[in-house]
Amino acid sequence: MTVVVKSKPGLLVPPSVRRKAGIKTGDQVEFKVTGGVIHIFRKPPIAEEEYTPAQRRAVARELAKGLEDVRKGRTHGPFDTADDAVKFLRKEIKSRKSKLKR
């Protein structure tokens, strides 16, 4: 899409471009210029703005609990070791390649 730059200060970003870029009203954008090309980046929200202090504390508690479980070996999963996971993945790749050849 091409737009005409006018003498008014500011820059108008067409709605279709904003939608494709995921830019919403109130978002912060950053401009960088490289070799005559203008890059516009949507800045992600800062955690302090996105979550309340109570929400941040709850996330920190859950993270601490999860890390404690790992430290004490209280984990589970489909594989007992990383080697078991690698063996499974290699077998899966081989199986899928043979199916593609058919």
C-alpha atoms as a PDB file:
ATOM      1  CA  MET A   1       0.000   0.000   0.000  1.00  0.00           C
ATOM      2  CA  THR A   2       1.259   3.472  -0.829  1.00  0.00           C
ATOM      3  CA  VAL A   3       0.219   6.633   1.025  1.00  0.00           C
ATOM      4  CA  VAL A   4       1.116  10.291   0.500  1.00  0.00           C
ATOM      5  CA  VAL A   5       3.068  12.000   3.297  1.00  0.00           C
ATOM      6  CA  LYS A   6       1.419  15.313   4.120  1.00  0.00           C
ATOM      7  CA  SER A   7       2.706  18.411   5.889  1.00  0.00           C
ATOM      8  CA  LYS A   8       0.844  17.651   9.141  1.00  0.00           C
ATOM      9  CA  PRO A   9       3.035  16.278  11.900  1.00  0.00           C
ATOM     10  CA  GLY A  10       2.581  12.613  12.694  1.00  0.00           C
ATOM     11  CA  LEU A  11       2.181   9.591  10.521  1.00  0.00           C
ATOM     12  CA  LEU A  12      -1.051   7.866   9.566  1.00  0.00           C
ATOM     13  CA  VAL A  13      -0.871   4.082   9.477  1.00  0.00           C
ATOM     14  CA  PRO A  14      -3.728   2.687   7.405  1.00  0.00           C
ATOM     15  CA  PRO A  15      -6.121   0.378   9.315  1.00  0.00           C
ATOM     16  CA  SER A  16      -5.351  -2.630   7.091  1.00  0.00           C
ATOM     17  CA  VAL A  17      -1.615  -2.267   7.817  1.00  0.00           C
ATOM     18  CA  ARG A  18      -2.279  -1.872  11.547  1.00  0.00           C
ATOM     19  CA  ARG A  19      -4.376  -5.060  11.554  1.00  0.00           C
ATOM     20  CA  LYS A  20      -1.704  -7.065   9.720  1.00  0.00           C
ATOM     21  CA  ALA A  21       0.996  -5.792  12.107  1.00  0.00           C
ATOM     22  CA  GLY A  22      -1.152  -6.386  15.188  1.00  0.00           C
ATOM     23  CA  ILE A  23      -0.961  -2.725  16.212  1.00  0.00           C
ATOM     24  CA  LYS A  24      -3.861  -1.530  18.350  1.00  0.00           C
ATOM     25  CA  THR A  25      -4.829   1.866  19.721  1.00  0.00           C
ATOM     26  CA  GLY A  26      -2.576   2.699  22.661  1.00  0.00           C
ATOM     27  CA  ASP A  27       0.289   0.434  21.570  1.00  0.00           C
ATOM     28  CA  GLN A  28       3.781   1.897  21.533  1.00  0.00           C
ATOM     29  CA  VAL A  29       5.765   1.694  18.308  1.00  0.00           C
ATOM     30  CA  GLU A  30       9.456   2.211  17.690  1.00  0.00           C
ATOM     31  CA  PHE A  31      10.963   3.598  14.500  1.00  0.00           C
ATOM     32  CA  LYS A  32      14.410   2.606  13.212  1.00  0.00           C
ATOM     33  CA  VAL A  33      15.964   3.955  10.037  1.00  0.00           C
ATOM     34  CA  THR A  34      18.535   1.946   8.078  1.00  0.00           C
ATOM     35  CA  GLY A  35      19.821   3.071   4.711  1.00  0.00           C
ATOM     36  CA  GLY A  36      16.744   5.123   3.878  1.00  0.00           C
ATOM     37  CA  VAL A  37      14.354   2.377   4.981  1.00  0.00           C
ATOM     38  CA  ILE A  38      12.048   3.023   7.945  1.00  0.00           C
ATOM     39  CA  HIS A  39      11.276   0.001  10.122  1.00  0.00           C
ATOM     40  CA  ILE A  40       8.331   0.229  12.516  1.00  0.00           C
ATOM     41  CA  PHE A  41       8.253  -2.180  15.464  1.00  0.00           C
ATOM     42  CA  ARG A  42       5.409  -2.677  17.915  1.00  0.00           C
ATOM     43  CA  LYS A  43       6.891  -2.597  21.405  1.00  0.00           C
ATOM     44  CA  PRO A  44       5.630  -5.396  23.657  1.00  0.00           C
ATOM     45  CA  PRO A  45       3.899  -4.305  26.853  1.00  0.00           C
ATOM     46  CA  ILE A  46       6.014  -4.059  29.986  1.00  0.00           C
ATOM     47  CA  ALA A  47       5.139  -6.686  32.605  1.00  0.00           C
ATOM     48  CA  GLU A  48       4.416  -3.979  35.186  1.00  0.00           C
ATOM     49  CA  GLU A  49       1.742  -2.596  32.884  1.00  0.00           C
ATOM     50  CA  GLU A  50       0.311  -5.960  31.884  1.00  0.00           C
ATOM     51  CA  TYR A  51      -0.037  -7.707  35.270  1.00  0.00           C
ATOM     52  CA  THR A  52      -1.082  -6.566  38.713  1.00  0.00           C
ATOM     53  CA  PRO A  53       1.342  -7.023  41.624  1.00  0.00           C
ATOM     54  CA  ALA A  54      -0.875  -9.843  42.957  1.00  0.00           C
ATOM     55  CA  GLN A  55      -0.734 -11.645  39.596  1.00  0.00           C
ATOM     56  CA  ARG A  56       3.073 -11.298  39.460  1.00  0.00           C
ATOM     57  CA  ARG A  57       3.381 -12.723  43.015  1.00  0.00           C
ATOM     58  CA  ALA A  58       1.157 -15.689  42.079  1.00  0.00           C
ATOM     59  CA  VAL A  59       3.287 -16.454  39.018  1.00  0.00           C
ATOM     60  CA  ALA A  60       6.493 -16.199  41.093  1.00  0.00           C
ATOM     61  CA  ARG A  61       5.062 -18.631  43.699  1.00  0.00           C
ATOM     62  CA  GLU A  62       4.124 -21.195  41.029  1.00  0.00           C
ATOM     63  CA  LEU A  63       7.516 -20.883  39.382  1.00  0.00           C
ATOM     64  CA  ALA A  64       9.282 -21.413  42.713  1.00  0.00           C
ATOM     65  CA  LYS A  65       7.128 -24.500  43.405  1.00  0.00           C
ATOM     66  CA  GLY A  66       7.927 -25.978  39.999  1.00  0.00           C
ATOM     67  CA  LEU A  67      11.658 -25.379  40.399  1.00  0.00           C
ATOM     68  CA  GLU A  68      11.614 -27.009  43.836  1.00  0.00           C
ATOM     69  CA  ASP A  69       9.952 -30.102  42.322  1.00  0.00           C
ATOM     70  CA  VAL A  70      12.705 -30.326  39.696  1.00  0.00           C
ATOM     71  CA  ARG A  71      15.445 -29.917  42.311  1.00  0.00           C
ATOM     72  CA  LYS A  72      13.967 -32.767  44.370  1.00  0.00           C
ATOM     73  CA  GLY A  73      13.560 -35.014  41.319  1.00  0.00           C
ATOM     74  CA  ARG A  74       9.759 -34.895  41.367  1.00  0.00           C
ATOM     75  CA  THR A  75       9.259 -34.853  37.635  1.00  0.00           C
ATOM     76  CA  HIS A  76       7.459 -37.129  35.232  1.00  0.00           C
ATOM     77  CA  GLY A  77       7.099 -37.533  31.546  1.00  0.00           C
ATOM     78  CA  PRO A  78       6.833 -40.043  28.751  1.00  0.00           C
ATOM     79  CA  PHE A  79      10.601 -40.764  28.842  1.00  0.00           C
ATOM     80  CA  ASP A  80      12.831 -41.796  31.726  1.00  0.00           C
ATOM     81  CA  THR A  81      15.942 -40.185  30.238  1.00  0.00           C
ATOM     82  CA  ALA A  82      16.947 -37.765  27.505  1.00  0.00           C
ATOM     83  CA  ASP A  83      18.540 -40.697  25.658  1.00  0.00           C
ATOM     84  CA  ASP A  84      15.155 -42.457  25.587  1.00  0.00           C
ATOM     85  CA  ALA A  85      13.610 -39.315  24.065  1.00  0.00           C
ATOM     86  CA  VAL A  86      16.346 -39.082  21.410  1.00  0.00           C
ATOM     87  CA  LYS A  87      15.917 -42.776  20.505  1.00  0.00           C
ATOM     88  CA  PHE A  88      12.168 -42.260  20.131  1.00  0.00           C
ATOM     89  CA  LEU A  89      12.641 -39.188  17.925  1.00  0.00           C
ATOM     90  CA  ARG A  90      15.147 -40.950  15.667  1.00  0.00           C
ATOM     91  CA  LYS A  91      12.791 -43.893  15.300  1.00  0.00           C
ATOM     92  CA  GLU A  92       9.895 -41.517  14.542  1.00  0.00           C
ATOM     93  CA  ILE A  93      11.912 -39.680  11.879  1.00  0.00           C
ATOM     94  CA  LYS A  94      12.897 -42.968  10.244  1.00  0.00           C
ATOM     95  CA  SER A  95       9.268 -44.109  10.273  1.00  0.00           C
ATOM     96  CA  ARG A  96       8.010 -40.882   8.712  1.00  0.00           C
ATOM     97  CA  LYS A  97      10.694 -40.890   6.014  1.00  0.00           C
ATOM     98  CA  SER A  98       9.734 -44.432   5.024  1.00  0.00           C
ATOM     99  CA  LYS A  99       6.067 -43.382   4.766  1.00  0.00           C
ATOM    100  CA  LEU A 100       7.019 -40.470   2.479  1.00  0.00           C
ATOM    101  CA  LYS A 101       8.886 -42.786   0.101  1.00  0.00           C
ATOM    102  CA  ARG A 102       5.779 -44.912  -0.466  1.00  0.00           C
END
